[in-house]
Amino acid sequence: EGAGAAVELPEPGDRIAPRRAEPLPVVAAGDLAGLFWLEGDTPRSFSVRYAPWRGDGWGAAETVSPPGPGSQLALAAATLRDGRLMLVWSAFDGQDDEILYALRGRDGKWSAAARVDADDAWPDITPAIVAADEGALVAWSGFDGDQYRVYVARFDGERFRPARAVGSAGTVFPTFQADAAEPLLVYRNAKPRGWTVAELDRSGAPRRSAFVAGDEREAPHVERDAGALRFRWGASERAARWQ
């Protein structure tokens, strides 16, 4: 196959239920490392599963998280610098949605699913993750009783540090752009409508940010250009400067 050519792979085996959803491939050192997906009879009974890629086929499927009291969804994953694999996702705990994580060690064993941040009475949704230093940064949109806003928590290699609010009220849909000098956090603003990009320090706190107004629903690709920033949506482009 030519460089960059798409290759269709077979489904992993070891099916345990009729429905599969949200396939999420994960890459390590530029190569396919494995595949996450949801599996169950209904969306409310999905388990979270993973199969490692062996180079010529899938390894045995593994259950990362069995069915819980409600839905599990919004999978996001990253390979850490030490080779461990971290998955984050949103799961209903019987009261509201919380952001969970699990780690696959170099021995192939999964840690038990645990909360990224302390339990609260409000939903946390749409997680994103990027490897950073010896750990990772995880972002999500959390409800505070009045508005959604973007939060970030740092995994230091052993545990998560307390989360901090990064976005103002009405910020949603965080994503990380990891191909920059520093990981960039991109999220959508409800009022005024538009998109913000924030450059984060090692703790996950924003060093500086930039905003462009607009109604685009898809997150932009952000490029640095001699101190300025270019927000791109296909052929559409707008410029901004750090604040």
Foldseek 3Di string as FASTA:
>chain_A
DDPPDDDDDDDADPADADDKDDWDWADDPRHTFWIWIWHHHDQFFTFIKIWTQPPVGTDHIDTQGGRARGGKDQWEWYQEPVGKIKIWTWDDHPQEIFIWMWIQDPVRDIDHIDGQADDDRWYWHNKEWDHDDRWIKIKTWIDPPDFTFIKIWTDPNPGIDHIDTAGDGQKHNWYWDPPDPAIWIKIFHVVVGWIKIFGADRGRHGPWMKIDHDDDPDFFDWDDDPQKIWTDDPVDIDIIGID
